[in-house]
């Protein structure tokens, strides 16, 4: 069984959520020799099944080509019109037409995979039959707290005291405006957003924020070692308005960071008061951060349960599900 896992614009997307999810797929499947599995990245090669991860013109071309050659196609639905909206300049205007295209595109596949039940419900609204939930997974070999990296990265960025942080590109949809507002309301804490700024894509108000952030808020731009970022921070605060799963949440949990999240459907796999604290507004986020900082027992509980949560999304489990789906699509079960 030869499978092509293809990611259009791979070099540009290598640190994005889609890029990391694709890397996770390959690592999850690597070494599963008992299934006589061979992986390739080359969509021009002779494969049995094509696994697509993006929705661009090259992906559409290779989808069409595969269908002409009577090859099986699996599409991973990392993108919806809802999570596209509010991301960058013109994204709101494009989200409507995008939904129509996504419905057409995803329906061409022999199987459509998605990272959460929330995304599954959206895909069904697009007319996609029976999408299958497969977690993007988290690389537990890579993501774990590192004391040495914590010291190095806190020194690098001049951090001290309790650090409230987020990871990823600071798009408006990710809640960066609310992140900055909370920094203003909690001047006793340091706030850091680790991740590439992508200023050319940002909405005007986000660009203004980046140019003139509150004194206690730092935008780092791209980070050399992302585990250093997770280790340097103390409380992971992610007020995103829409996520299909939010890989950074699982990564932060795996690194032993307590989670403060916006209460959105994409985070339904996390449980308030068990492995995270969820809020709907700045007052609730402020209360949660102060509570975690002052209540050591609560912090230990959230960290312990967060690590358990991340183990439920291990690459071993993701790889097992992918193999089962590939075999079913190819008629090998």
C-alpha atoms as a PDB file:
ATOM      1  CA  UNK A   1       0.000   0.000   0.000  1.00  0.00           C
ATOM      2  CA  UNK A   2       1.648   3.210  -1.195  1.00  0.00           C
ATOM      3  CA  UNK A   3       0.173   6.459   0.138  1.00  0.00           C
ATOM      4  CA  UNK A   4       1.025   9.975  -1.005  1.00  0.00           C
ATOM      5  CA  UNK A   5       0.536  12.508   1.788  1.00  0.00           C
ATOM      6  CA  UNK A   6       0.581  15.804  -0.099  1.00  0.00           C
ATOM      7  CA  UNK A   7       0.750  19.326   1.312  1.00  0.00           C
ATOM      8  CA  UNK A   8       0.600  22.151  -1.207  1.00  0.00           C
ATOM      9  CA  UNK A   9       3.032  25.026  -0.430  1.00  0.00           C
ATOM     10  CA  UNK A  10       4.710  22.828   2.164  1.00  0.00           C
ATOM     11  CA  UNK A  11       7.719  25.090   2.760  1.00  0.00           C
ATOM     12  CA  UNK A  12       5.499  28.099   3.489  1.00  0.00           C
ATOM     13  CA  UNK A  13       3.155  26.137   5.723  1.00  0.00           C
ATOM     14  CA  UNK A  14       5.739  24.142   7.664  1.00  0.00           C
ATOM     15  CA  UNK A  15       5.123  25.923  11.005  1.00  0.00           C
ATOM     16  CA  UNK A  16       1.373  26.459  10.528  1.00  0.00           C
ATOM     17  CA  UNK A  17      -1.278  24.262  12.098  1.00  0.00           C
ATOM     18  CA  UNK A  18      -1.878  22.501   8.771  1.00  0.00           C
ATOM     19  CA  UNK A  19       1.853  22.023   8.300  1.00  0.00           C
ATOM     20  CA  UNK A  20       2.307  20.492  11.746  1.00  0.00           C
ATOM     21  CA  UNK A  21      -0.794  18.304  11.289  1.00  0.00           C
ATOM     22  CA  UNK A  22       0.657  16.940   8.033  1.00  0.00           C
ATOM     23  CA  UNK A  23       4.007  16.260   9.713  1.00  0.00           C
ATOM     24  CA  UNK A  24       2.096  14.467  12.471  1.00  0.00           C
ATOM     25  CA  UNK A  25       0.350  12.234   9.914  1.00  0.00           C
ATOM     26  CA  UNK A  26       3.667  11.164   8.418  1.00  0.00           C
ATOM     27  CA  UNK A  27       5.282  10.526  11.782  1.00  0.00           C
ATOM     28  CA  UNK A  28       2.203   8.672  13.034  1.00  0.00           C
ATOM     29  CA  UNK A  29       2.401   6.320  10.038  1.00  0.00           C
ATOM     30  CA  UNK A  30       6.174   6.017   9.871  1.00  0.00           C
ATOM     31  CA  UNK A  31       7.381   2.578  10.818  1.00  0.00           C
ATOM     32  CA  UNK A  32       4.009   0.803  10.537  1.00  0.00           C
ATOM     33  CA  UNK A  33       5.682  -1.855   8.375  1.00  0.00           C
ATOM     34  CA  UNK A  34       3.289  -4.618   9.396  1.00  0.00           C
ATOM     35  CA  UNK A  35       0.755  -3.024   7.049  1.00  0.00           C
ATOM     36  CA  UNK A  36       3.228  -3.023   4.123  1.00  0.00           C
ATOM     37  CA  UNK A  37       2.894   0.767   4.029  1.00  0.00           C
ATOM     38  CA  UNK A  38       5.061   3.023   1.879  1.00  0.00           C
ATOM     39  CA  UNK A  39       4.785   6.817   2.138  1.00  0.00           C
ATOM     40  CA  UNK A  40       5.650   9.479  -0.429  1.00  0.00           C
ATOM     41  CA  UNK A  41       5.230  13.252  -0.706  1.00  0.00           C
ATOM     42  CA  UNK A  42       5.368  13.270  -4.506  1.00  0.00           C
ATOM     43  CA  UNK A  43       1.892  13.496  -6.094  1.00  0.00           C
ATOM     44  CA  UNK A  44       3.426  12.594  -9.475  1.00  0.00           C
ATOM     45  CA  UNK A  45       4.585   9.208  -8.187  1.00  0.00           C
ATOM     46  CA  UNK A  46       2.723   5.944  -8.622  1.00  0.00           C
ATOM     47  CA  UNK A  47       0.613   5.596  -5.468  1.00  0.00           C
ATOM     48  CA  UNK A  48      -2.462   3.661  -4.395  1.00  0.00           C
ATOM     49  CA  UNK A  49      -4.054   6.445  -2.360  1.00  0.00           C
ATOM     50  CA  UNK A  50      -3.673  10.231  -2.339  1.00  0.00           C
ATOM     51  CA  UNK A  51      -4.095  12.028   1.011  1.00  0.00           C
ATOM     52  CA  UNK A  52      -4.594  15.782   0.508  1.00  0.00           C
ATOM     53  CA  UNK A  53      -4.249  18.394   3.257  1.00  0.00           C
ATOM     54  CA  UNK A  54      -4.941  21.725   1.546  1.00  0.00           C
ATOM     55  CA  UNK A  55      -7.539  23.219  -0.773  1.00  0.00           C
ATOM     56  CA  UNK A  56      -5.429  25.155  -3.305  1.00  0.00           C
ATOM     57  CA  UNK A  57      -5.268  24.863  -7.115  1.00  0.00           C
ATOM     58  CA  UNK A  58      -2.454  22.301  -7.128  1.00  0.00           C
ATOM     59  CA  UNK A  59      -4.366  20.119  -4.690  1.00  0.00           C
ATOM     60  CA  UNK A  60      -7.479  20.389  -6.871  1.00  0.00           C
ATOM     61  CA  UNK A  61      -5.410  19.465  -9.940  1.00  0.00           C
ATOM     62  CA  UNK A  62      -3.943  16.372  -8.283  1.00  0.00           C
ATOM     63  CA  UNK A  63      -7.381  15.431  -6.960  1.00  0.00           C
ATOM     64  CA  UNK A  64      -8.799  15.569 -10.503  1.00  0.00           C
ATOM     65  CA  UNK A  65      -5.808  13.687 -11.903  1.00  0.00           C
ATOM     66  CA  UNK A  66      -6.176  10.954  -9.283  1.00  0.00           C
ATOM     67  CA  UNK A  67      -9.855  10.506 -10.103  1.00  0.00           C
ATOM     68  CA  UNK A  68      -9.058  10.230 -13.830  1.00  0.00           C
ATOM     69  CA  UNK A  69      -6.495   7.514 -13.013  1.00  0.00           C
ATOM     70  CA  UNK A  70      -9.085   5.770 -10.812  1.00  0.00           C
ATOM     71  CA  UNK A  71      -6.972   6.292  -7.687  1.00  0.00           C
ATOM     72  CA  UNK A  72      -8.514   6.596  -4.238  1.00  0.00           C
ATOM     73  CA  UNK A  73      -8.440  10.018  -2.545  1.00  0.00           C
ATOM     74  CA  UNK A  74      -8.682  10.998   1.121  1.00  0.00           C
ATOM     75  CA  UNK A  75      -8.980  14.695   1.991  1.00  0.00           C
ATOM     76  CA  UNK A  76      -8.191  16.090   5.420  1.00  0.00           C
ATOM     77  CA  UNK A  77     -10.561  19.007   6.030  1.00  0.00           C
ATOM     78  CA  UNK A  78      -8.379  21.461   7.937  1.00  0.00           C
ATOM     79  CA  UNK A  79     -10.225  24.458   6.470  1.00  0.00           C
ATOM     80  CA  UNK A  80     -13.829  25.650   6.826  1.00  0.00           C
ATOM     81  CA  UNK A  81     -15.466  28.910   5.857  1.00  0.00           C
ATOM     82  CA  UNK A  82     -16.001  29.611   9.544  1.00  0.00           C
ATOM     83  CA  UNK A  83     -12.352  29.356  10.572  1.00  0.00           C
ATOM     84  CA  UNK A  84     -11.259  31.268   7.452  1.00  0.00           C
ATOM     85  CA  UNK A  85     -13.463  34.207   8.436  1.00  0.00           C
ATOM     86  CA  UNK A  86     -11.808  36.911  10.523  1.00  0.00           C
ATOM     87  CA  UNK A  87      -8.292  35.676   9.859  1.00  0.00           C
ATOM     88  CA  UNK A  88      -6.762  38.320   7.592  1.00  0.00           C
ATOM     89  CA  UNK A  89      -7.475  41.116   5.113  1.00  0.00           C
ATOM     90  CA  UNK A  90     -10.493  40.308   2.863  1.00  0.00           C
ATOM     91  CA  UNK A  91     -11.069  36.913   4.547  1.00  0.00           C
ATOM     92  CA  UNK A  92     -14.617  37.863   5.613  1.00  0.00           C
ATOM     93  CA  UNK A  93     -15.629  38.701   2.030  1.00  0.00           C
ATOM     94  CA  UNK A  94     -14.113  35.476   0.737  1.00  0.00           C
ATOM     95  CA  UNK A  95     -15.596  33.139   3.352  1.00  0.00           C
ATOM     96  CA  UNK A  96     -19.001  32.871   1.625  1.00  0.00           C
ATOM     97  CA  UNK A  97     -17.691  31.814  -1.807  1.00  0.00           C
ATOM     98  CA  UNK A  98     -15.135  29.615  -0.063  1.00  0.00           C
ATOM     99  CA  UNK A  99     -17.867  27.557   1.617  1.00  0.00           C
ATOM    100  CA  UNK A 100     -19.355  26.700  -1.790  1.00  0.00           C
ATOM    101  CA  UNK A 101     -15.953  25.710  -3.146  1.00  0.00           C
ATOM    102  CA  UNK A 102     -15.161  23.627  -0.063  1.00  0.00           C
ATOM    103  CA  UNK A 103     -18.418  21.710  -0.406  1.00  0.00           C
ATOM    104  CA  UNK A 104     -17.582  20.931  -4.049  1.00  0.00           C
ATOM    105  CA  UNK A 105     -13.951  20.073  -3.278  1.00  0.00           C
ATOM    106  CA  UNK A 106     -14.505  17.850  -0.257  1.00  0.00           C
ATOM    107  CA  UNK A 107     -17.321  15.916  -1.936  1.00  0.00           C
ATOM    108  CA  UNK A 108     -14.862  14.634  -4.574  1.00  0.00           C
ATOM    109  CA  UNK A 109     -13.015  12.505  -2.006  1.00  0.00           C
ATOM    110  CA  UNK A 110     -13.560   8.842  -1.226  1.00  0.00           C
ATOM    111  CA  UNK A 111     -13.247   9.777   2.450  1.00  0.00           C
ATOM    112  CA  UNK A 112     -13.128  13.124   4.245  1.00  0.00           C
ATOM    113  CA  UNK A 113     -11.304  13.382   7.561  1.00  0.00           C
ATOM    114  CA  UNK A 114     -11.624  16.181  10.104  1.00  0.00           C
ATOM    115  CA  UNK A 115     -10.040  16.884  13.498  1.00  0.00           C
ATOM    116  CA  UNK A 116     -13.152  17.361  15.670  1.00  0.00           C
ATOM    117  CA  UNK A 117     -16.880  16.732  15.986  1.00  0.00           C
ATOM    118  CA  UNK A 118     -17.423  20.475  15.552  1.00  0.00           C
ATOM    119  CA  UNK A 119     -15.766  20.397  12.126  1.00  0.00           C
ATOM    120  CA  UNK A 120     -17.693  17.246  11.248  1.00  0.00           C
ATOM    121  CA  UNK A 121     -20.985  19.059  11.836  1.00  0.00           C
ATOM    122  CA  UNK A 122     -19.862  21.937   9.604  1.00  0.00           C
ATOM    123  CA  UNK A 123     -18.856  19.559   6.811  1.00  0.00           C
ATOM    124  CA  UNK A 124     -22.245  17.855   6.933  1.00  0.00           C
ATOM    125  CA  UNK A 125     -23.795  21.318   6.446  1.00  0.00           C
ATOM    126  CA  UNK A 126     -21.634  21.589   3.304  1.00  0.00           C
ATOM    127  CA  UNK A 127     -23.190  18.387   1.965  1.00  0.00           C
ATOM    128  CA  UNK A 128     -20.266  16.090   2.803  1.00  0.00           C
ATOM    129  CA  UNK A 129     -21.377  12.520   3.530  1.00  0.00           C
ATOM    130  CA  UNK A 130     -20.157  10.921   6.743  1.00  0.00           C
ATOM    131  CA  UNK A 131     -16.886  12.772   7.453  1.00  0.00           C
ATOM    132  CA  UNK A 132     -14.658  10.847   9.867  1.00  0.00           C
ATOM    133  CA  UNK A 133     -13.141  12.450  12.976  1.00  0.00           C
ATOM    134  CA  UNK A 134      -9.394  11.850  13.342  1.00  0.00           C
ATOM    135  CA  UNK A 135      -7.435  13.985  15.780  1.00  0.00           C
ATOM    136  CA  UNK A 136      -4.479  15.858  14.321  1.00  0.00           C
ATOM    137  CA  UNK A 137      -2.578  14.329  17.210  1.00  0.00           C
ATOM    138  CA  UNK A 138       0.314  15.666  19.236  1.00  0.00           C
ATOM    139  CA  UNK A 139       3.914  14.491  19.100  1.00  0.00           C
ATOM    140  CA  UNK A 140       4.519  13.468  22.712  1.00  0.00           C
ATOM    141  CA  UNK A 141       8.172  12.694  21.965  1.00  0.00           C
ATOM    142  CA  UNK A 142       8.690  16.347  21.063  1.00  0.00           C
ATOM    143  CA  UNK A 143       6.276  18.274  23.273  1.00  0.00           C
ATOM    144  CA  UNK A 144       7.206  18.077  26.943  1.00  0.00           C
ATOM    145  CA  UNK A 145       8.390  20.622  29.496  1.00  0.00           C
ATOM    146  CA  UNK A 146      12.110  21.417  29.235  1.00  0.00           C
ATOM    147  CA  UNK A 147      13.717  23.163  32.215  1.00  0.00           C
ATOM    148  CA  UNK A 148      16.868  24.163  30.314  1.00  0.00           C
ATOM    149  CA  UNK A 149      14.875  25.634  27.425  1.00  0.00           C
ATOM    150  CA  UNK A 150      12.707  27.518  29.908  1.00  0.00           C
ATOM    151  CA  UNK A 151      15.754  29.234  31.381  1.00  0.00           C
ATOM    152  CA  UNK A 152      17.232  29.982  27.947  1.00  0.00           C
ATOM    153  CA  UNK A 153      14.041  31.413  26.451  1.00  0.00           C
ATOM    154  CA  UNK A 154      13.101  33.467  29.478  1.00  0.00           C
ATOM    155  CA  UNK A 155      16.566  35.017  29.362  1.00  0.00           C
ATOM    156  CA  UNK A 156      16.336  35.531  25.591  1.00  0.00           C
ATOM    157  CA  UNK A 157      13.078  37.476  25.851  1.00  0.00           C
ATOM    158  CA  UNK A 158      13.714  39.126  29.221  1.00  0.00           C
ATOM    159  CA  UNK A 159      10.856  37.337  30.980  1.00  0.00           C
ATOM    160  CA  UNK A 160      10.281  37.109  34.723  1.00  0.00           C
ATOM    161  CA  UNK A 161       7.393  36.372  37.046  1.00  0.00           C
ATOM    162  CA  UNK A 162       4.217  34.709  35.786  1.00  0.00           C
ATOM    163  CA  UNK A 163       4.079  34.720  31.985  1.00  0.00           C
ATOM    164  CA  UNK A 164       0.707  34.470  30.234  1.00  0.00           C
ATOM    165  CA  UNK A 165       1.242  33.327  26.665  1.00  0.00           C
ATOM    166  CA  UNK A 166      -0.184  32.122  23.360  1.00  0.00           C
ATOM    167  CA  UNK A 167       1.400  30.370  20.374  1.00  0.00           C
ATOM    168  CA  UNK A 168       0.760  30.734  16.635  1.00  0.00           C
ATOM    169  CA  UNK A 169       0.248  33.545  14.150  1.00  0.00           C
ATOM    170  CA  UNK A 170      -1.607  36.398  15.914  1.00  0.00           C
ATOM    171  CA  UNK A 171      -4.570  36.763  13.555  1.00  0.00           C
ATOM    172  CA  UNK A 172      -7.686  38.583  14.717  1.00  0.00           C
ATOM    173  CA  UNK A 173      -9.667  35.317  14.684  1.00  0.00           C
ATOM    174  CA  UNK A 174      -7.177  33.887  17.155  1.00  0.00           C
ATOM    175  CA  UNK A 175      -8.265  36.498  19.711  1.00  0.00           C
ATOM    176  CA  UNK A 176      -5.124  38.625  19.660  1.00  0.00           C
ATOM    177  CA  UNK A 177      -7.114  41.825  20.306  1.00  0.00           C
ATOM    178  CA  UNK A 178      -8.616  40.322  23.468  1.00  0.00           C
ATOM    179  CA  UNK A 179      -5.184  38.989  24.422  1.00  0.00           C
ATOM    180  CA  UNK A 180      -3.838  42.555  24.300  1.00  0.00           C
ATOM    181  CA  UNK A 181      -6.833  43.987  26.176  1.00  0.00           C
ATOM    182  CA  UNK A 182      -6.293  41.527  29.002  1.00  0.00           C
ATOM    183  CA  UNK A 183      -2.609  42.465  29.124  1.00  0.00           C
ATOM    184  CA  UNK A 184      -3.700  46.067  29.729  1.00  0.00           C
ATOM    185  CA  UNK A 185      -6.039  44.966  32.531  1.00  0.00           C
ATOM    186  CA  UNK A 186      -3.382  42.769  34.183  1.00  0.00           C
ATOM    187  CA  UNK A 187      -0.220  44.906  34.171  1.00  0.00           C
ATOM    188  CA  UNK A 188       1.307  42.778  36.945  1.00  0.00           C
ATOM    189  CA  UNK A 189       1.746  39.892  34.461  1.00  0.00           C
ATOM    190  CA  UNK A 190       3.952  39.541  31.398  1.00  0.00           C
ATOM    191  CA  UNK A 191       2.078  38.591  28.217  1.00  0.00           C
ATOM    192  CA  UNK A 192       3.850  36.983  25.259  1.00  0.00           C
ATOM    193  CA  UNK A 193       2.536  35.882  21.880  1.00  0.00           C
ATOM    194  CA  UNK A 194       5.033  33.442  20.366  1.00  0.00           C
ATOM    195  CA  UNK A 195       4.829  32.959  16.602  1.00  0.00           C
ATOM    196  CA  UNK A 196       5.318  34.438  13.120  1.00  0.00           C
ATOM    197  CA  UNK A 197       3.661  37.846  12.738  1.00  0.00           C
ATOM    198  CA  UNK A 198       2.747  37.593   9.012  1.00  0.00           C
ATOM    199  CA  UNK A 199       2.158  41.362   9.003  1.00  0.00           C
ATOM    200  CA  UNK A 200       1.356  41.535   5.276  1.00  0.00           C
ATOM    201  CA  UNK A 201      -1.723  39.374   5.879  1.00  0.00           C
ATOM    202  CA  UNK A 202      -2.931  41.118   9.026  1.00  0.00           C
ATOM    203  CA  UNK A 203      -5.964  43.342   9.404  1.00  0.00           C
ATOM    204  CA  UNK A 204      -5.221  47.018  10.016  1.00  0.00           C
ATOM    205  CA  UNK A 205      -6.122  46.981  13.711  1.00  0.00           C
ATOM    206  CA  UNK A 206      -3.824  44.010  14.327  1.00  0.00           C
ATOM    207  CA  UNK A 207      -0.957  45.777  12.542  1.00  0.00           C
ATOM    208  CA  UNK A 208      -1.527  48.821  14.756  1.00  0.00           C
ATOM    209  CA  UNK A 209      -1.449  46.597  17.831  1.00  0.00           C
ATOM    210  CA  UNK A 210       1.814  44.988  16.735  1.00  0.00           C
ATOM    211  CA  UNK A 211       3.383  48.406  16.182  1.00  0.00           C
ATOM    212  CA  UNK A 212       2.197  49.767  19.532  1.00  0.00           C
ATOM    213  CA  UNK A 213       1.481  46.956  22.021  1.00  0.00           C
ATOM    214  CA  UNK A 214       0.901  47.437  25.767  1.00  0.00           C
ATOM    215  CA  UNK A 215       4.155  47.706  27.734  1.00  0.00           C
ATOM    216  CA  UNK A 216       3.746  44.229  29.209  1.00  0.00           C
ATOM    217  CA  UNK A 217       2.956  42.508  25.873  1.00  0.00           C
ATOM    218  CA  UNK A 218       5.656  41.068  23.613  1.00  0.00           C
ATOM    219  CA  UNK A 219       5.242  39.720  20.080  1.00  0.00           C
ATOM    220  CA  UNK A 220       8.267  37.497  19.414  1.00  0.00           C
ATOM    221  CA  UNK A 221       7.800  36.697  15.710  1.00  0.00           C
ATOM    222  CA  UNK A 222       9.001  33.247  14.583  1.00  0.00           C
ATOM    223  CA  UNK A 223      10.538  31.141  17.350  1.00  0.00           C
ATOM    224  CA  UNK A 224      13.534  28.888  16.771  1.00  0.00           C
ATOM    225  CA  UNK A 225      12.396  26.099  19.112  1.00  0.00           C
ATOM    226  CA  UNK A 226       8.684  26.072  19.861  1.00  0.00           C
ATOM    227  CA  UNK A 227       9.156  23.796  22.894  1.00  0.00           C
ATOM    228  CA  UNK A 228      11.235  26.627  24.355  1.00  0.00           C
ATOM    229  CA  UNK A 229       8.208  28.901  23.997  1.00  0.00           C
ATOM    230  CA  UNK A 230       5.867  26.452  25.735  1.00  0.00           C
ATOM    231  CA  UNK A 231       8.410  25.909  28.506  1.00  0.00           C
ATOM    232  CA  UNK A 232       9.060  29.643  29.024  1.00  0.00           C
ATOM    233  CA  UNK A 233       5.383  30.466  29.571  1.00  0.00           C
ATOM    234  CA  UNK A 234       3.334  29.714  32.682  1.00  0.00           C
ATOM    235  CA  UNK A 235      -0.358  30.011  31.739  1.00  0.00           C
ATOM    236  CA  UNK A 236      -1.535  29.272  28.199  1.00  0.00           C
ATOM    237  CA  UNK A 237      -4.291  31.762  27.348  1.00  0.00           C
ATOM    238  CA  UNK A 238      -5.925  31.189  23.954  1.00  0.00           C
ATOM    239  CA  UNK A 239      -9.047  33.323  23.355  1.00  0.00           C
ATOM    240  CA  UNK A 240      -9.555  32.170  19.744  1.00  0.00           C
ATOM    241  CA  UNK A 241     -13.010  32.709  18.248  1.00  0.00           C
ATOM    242  CA  UNK A 242     -12.953  29.669  15.967  1.00  0.00           C
ATOM    243  CA  UNK A 243     -10.823  26.533  15.783  1.00  0.00           C
ATOM    244  CA  UNK A 244     -11.286  23.152  14.163  1.00  0.00           C
ATOM    245  CA  UNK A 245      -9.196  21.615  16.939  1.00  0.00           C
ATOM    246  CA  UNK A 246      -6.393  23.984  17.882  1.00  0.00           C
ATOM    247  CA  UNK A 247      -3.189  21.942  17.842  1.00  0.00           C
ATOM    248  CA  UNK A 248      -1.468  24.505  20.061  1.00  0.00           C
ATOM    249  CA  UNK A 249      -3.872  23.576  22.866  1.00  0.00           C
ATOM    250  CA  UNK A 250      -2.740  19.946  22.800  1.00  0.00           C
ATOM    251  CA  UNK A 251       0.905  21.000  22.542  1.00  0.00           C
ATOM    252  CA  UNK A 252       0.580  23.335  25.535  1.00  0.00           C
ATOM    253  CA  UNK A 253      -1.169  20.614  27.535  1.00  0.00           C
ATOM    254  CA  UNK A 254       1.558  18.097  26.667  1.00  0.00           C
ATOM    255  CA  UNK A 255       4.149  20.608  27.920  1.00  0.00           C
ATOM    256  CA  UNK A 256       2.390  20.835  31.277  1.00  0.00           C
ATOM    257  CA  UNK A 257       0.935  24.321  30.883  1.00  0.00           C
ATOM    258  CA  UNK A 258      -2.472  25.089  32.470  1.00  0.00           C
ATOM    259  CA  UNK A 259      -5.023  26.118  29.835  1.00  0.00           C
ATOM    260  CA  UNK A 260      -7.367  29.119  29.727  1.00  0.00           C
ATOM    261  CA  UNK A 261      -9.551  28.882  26.620  1.00  0.00           C
ATOM    262  CA  UNK A 262     -12.494  30.623  25.028  1.00  0.00           C
ATOM    263  CA  UNK A 263     -15.650  28.527  25.347  1.00  0.00           C
ATOM    264  CA  UNK A 264     -16.162  27.627  21.667  1.00  0.00           C
ATOM    265  CA  UNK A 265     -17.410  24.402  19.995  1.00  0.00           C
ATOM    266  CA  UNK A 266     -13.947  23.645  18.599  1.00  0.00           C
ATOM    267  CA  UNK A 267     -12.678  23.155  22.158  1.00  0.00           C
ATOM    268  CA  UNK A 268     -15.447  20.777  23.229  1.00  0.00           C
ATOM    269  CA  UNK A 269     -12.865  18.016  23.621  1.00  0.00           C
ATOM    270  CA  UNK A 270     -11.518  19.988  26.612  1.00  0.00           C
ATOM    271  CA  UNK A 271     -13.484  19.980  29.881  1.00  0.00           C
ATOM    272  CA  UNK A 272     -13.895  23.141  31.975  1.00  0.00           C
ATOM    273  CA  UNK A 273     -12.688  22.649  35.525  1.00  0.00           C
ATOM    274  CA  UNK A 274     -10.989  19.362  34.631  1.00  0.00           C
ATOM    275  CA  UNK A 275      -8.200  19.984  32.111  1.00  0.00           C
ATOM    276  CA  UNK A 276      -8.781  23.693  31.435  1.00  0.00           C
ATOM    277  CA  UNK A 277     -10.739  26.765  32.474  1.00  0.00           C
ATOM    278  CA  UNK A 278     -13.047  28.248  29.851  1.00  0.00           C
ATOM    279  CA  UNK A 279     -14.399  31.766  29.588  1.00  0.00           C
ATOM    280  CA  UNK A 280     -16.556  33.881  27.312  1.00  0.00           C
ATOM    281  CA  UNK A 281     -15.309  37.389  28.092  1.00  0.00           C
ATOM    282  CA  UNK A 282     -12.401  39.369  29.514  1.00  0.00           C
ATOM    283  CA  UNK A 283     -13.752  39.368  33.072  1.00  0.00           C
ATOM    284  CA  UNK A 284     -13.912  35.572  33.104  1.00  0.00           C
ATOM    285  CA  UNK A 285     -10.470  35.214  31.519  1.00  0.00           C
ATOM    286  CA  UNK A 286      -9.022  37.609  34.099  1.00  0.00           C
ATOM    287  CA  UNK A 287     -10.605  35.664  36.954  1.00  0.00           C
ATOM    288  CA  UNK A 288      -9.310  32.341  35.602  1.00  0.00           C
ATOM    289  CA  UNK A 289      -5.730  33.546  35.166  1.00  0.00           C
ATOM    290  CA  UNK A 290      -5.599  35.008  38.669  1.00  0.00           C
ATOM    291  CA  UNK A 291      -7.131  31.851  40.127  1.00  0.00           C
ATOM    292  CA  UNK A 292      -4.591  29.560  38.443  1.00  0.00           C
ATOM    293  CA  UNK A 293      -1.723  31.809  39.511  1.00  0.00           C
ATOM    294  CA  UNK A 294      -2.833  31.832  43.161  1.00  0.00           C
ATOM    295  CA  UNK A 295      -4.205  28.299  43.591  1.00  0.00           C
ATOM    296  CA  UNK A 296      -1.367  25.776  43.386  1.00  0.00           C
ATOM    297  CA  UNK A 297      -3.668  22.773  43.827  1.00  0.00           C
ATOM    298  CA  UNK A 298      -5.887  23.882  40.951  1.00  0.00           C
ATOM    299  CA  UNK A 299      -2.826  24.441  38.770  1.00  0.00           C
ATOM    300  CA  UNK A 300      -1.510  20.932  39.533  1.00  0.00           C
ATOM    301  CA  UNK A 301      -4.914  19.426  38.723  1.00  0.00           C
ATOM    302  CA  UNK A 302      -5.194  21.246  35.390  1.00  0.00           C
ATOM    303  CA  UNK A 303      -1.629  20.329  34.434  1.00  0.00           C
ATOM    304  CA  UNK A 304      -2.055  16.652  35.355  1.00  0.00           C
ATOM    305  CA  UNK A 305      -5.356  16.320  33.511  1.00  0.00           C
ATOM    306  CA  UNK A 306      -4.011  18.313  30.565  1.00  0.00           C
ATOM    307  CA  UNK A 307      -1.177  15.821  30.145  1.00  0.00           C
ATOM    308  CA  UNK A 308      -3.739  12.984  30.266  1.00  0.00           C
ATOM    309  CA  UNK A 309      -5.758  14.820  27.593  1.00  0.00           C
ATOM    310  CA  UNK A 310      -2.723  15.116  25.319  1.00  0.00           C
ATOM    311  CA  UNK A 311      -2.070  11.364  25.655  1.00  0.00           C
ATOM    312  CA  UNK A 312      -5.577  10.693  24.358  1.00  0.00           C
ATOM    313  CA  UNK A 313      -4.430  12.422  21.153  1.00  0.00           C
ATOM    314  CA  UNK A 314      -1.119  10.596  20.735  1.00  0.00           C
ATOM    315  CA  UNK A 315       0.336  10.023  17.273  1.00  0.00           C
ATOM    316  CA  UNK A 316       0.086   6.287  17.889  1.00  0.00           C
ATOM    317  CA  UNK A 317      -3.709   6.597  18.090  1.00  0.00           C
ATOM    318  CA  UNK A 318      -3.860   8.935  15.089  1.00  0.00           C
ATOM    319  CA  UNK A 319      -1.728   6.551  13.014  1.00  0.00           C
ATOM    320  CA  UNK A 320      -3.923   3.594  13.898  1.00  0.00           C
ATOM    321  CA  UNK A 321      -7.054   5.422  12.758  1.00  0.00           C
ATOM    322  CA  UNK A 322      -5.425   6.560   9.513  1.00  0.00           C
ATOM    323  CA  UNK A 323      -4.332   3.014   8.651  1.00  0.00           C
ATOM    324  CA  UNK A 324      -7.858   1.711   9.274  1.00  0.00           C
ATOM    325  CA  UNK A 325      -9.330   4.400   7.000  1.00  0.00           C
ATOM    326  CA  UNK A 326      -6.795   3.803   4.224  1.00  0.00           C
ATOM    327  CA  UNK A 327      -7.452   0.056   4.282  1.00  0.00           C
ATOM    328  CA  UNK A 328     -11.208   0.562   4.229  1.00  0.00           C
ATOM    329  CA  UNK A 329     -11.044   3.013   1.300  1.00  0.00           C
ATOM    330  CA  UNK A 330      -8.779   0.612  -0.634  1.00  0.00           C
ATOM    331  CA  UNK A 331     -11.039  -2.352   0.137  1.00  0.00           C
ATOM    332  CA  UNK A 332      -8.375  -4.186   2.155  1.00  0.00           C
ATOM    333  CA  UNK A 333     -10.456  -4.753   5.303  1.00  0.00           C
END
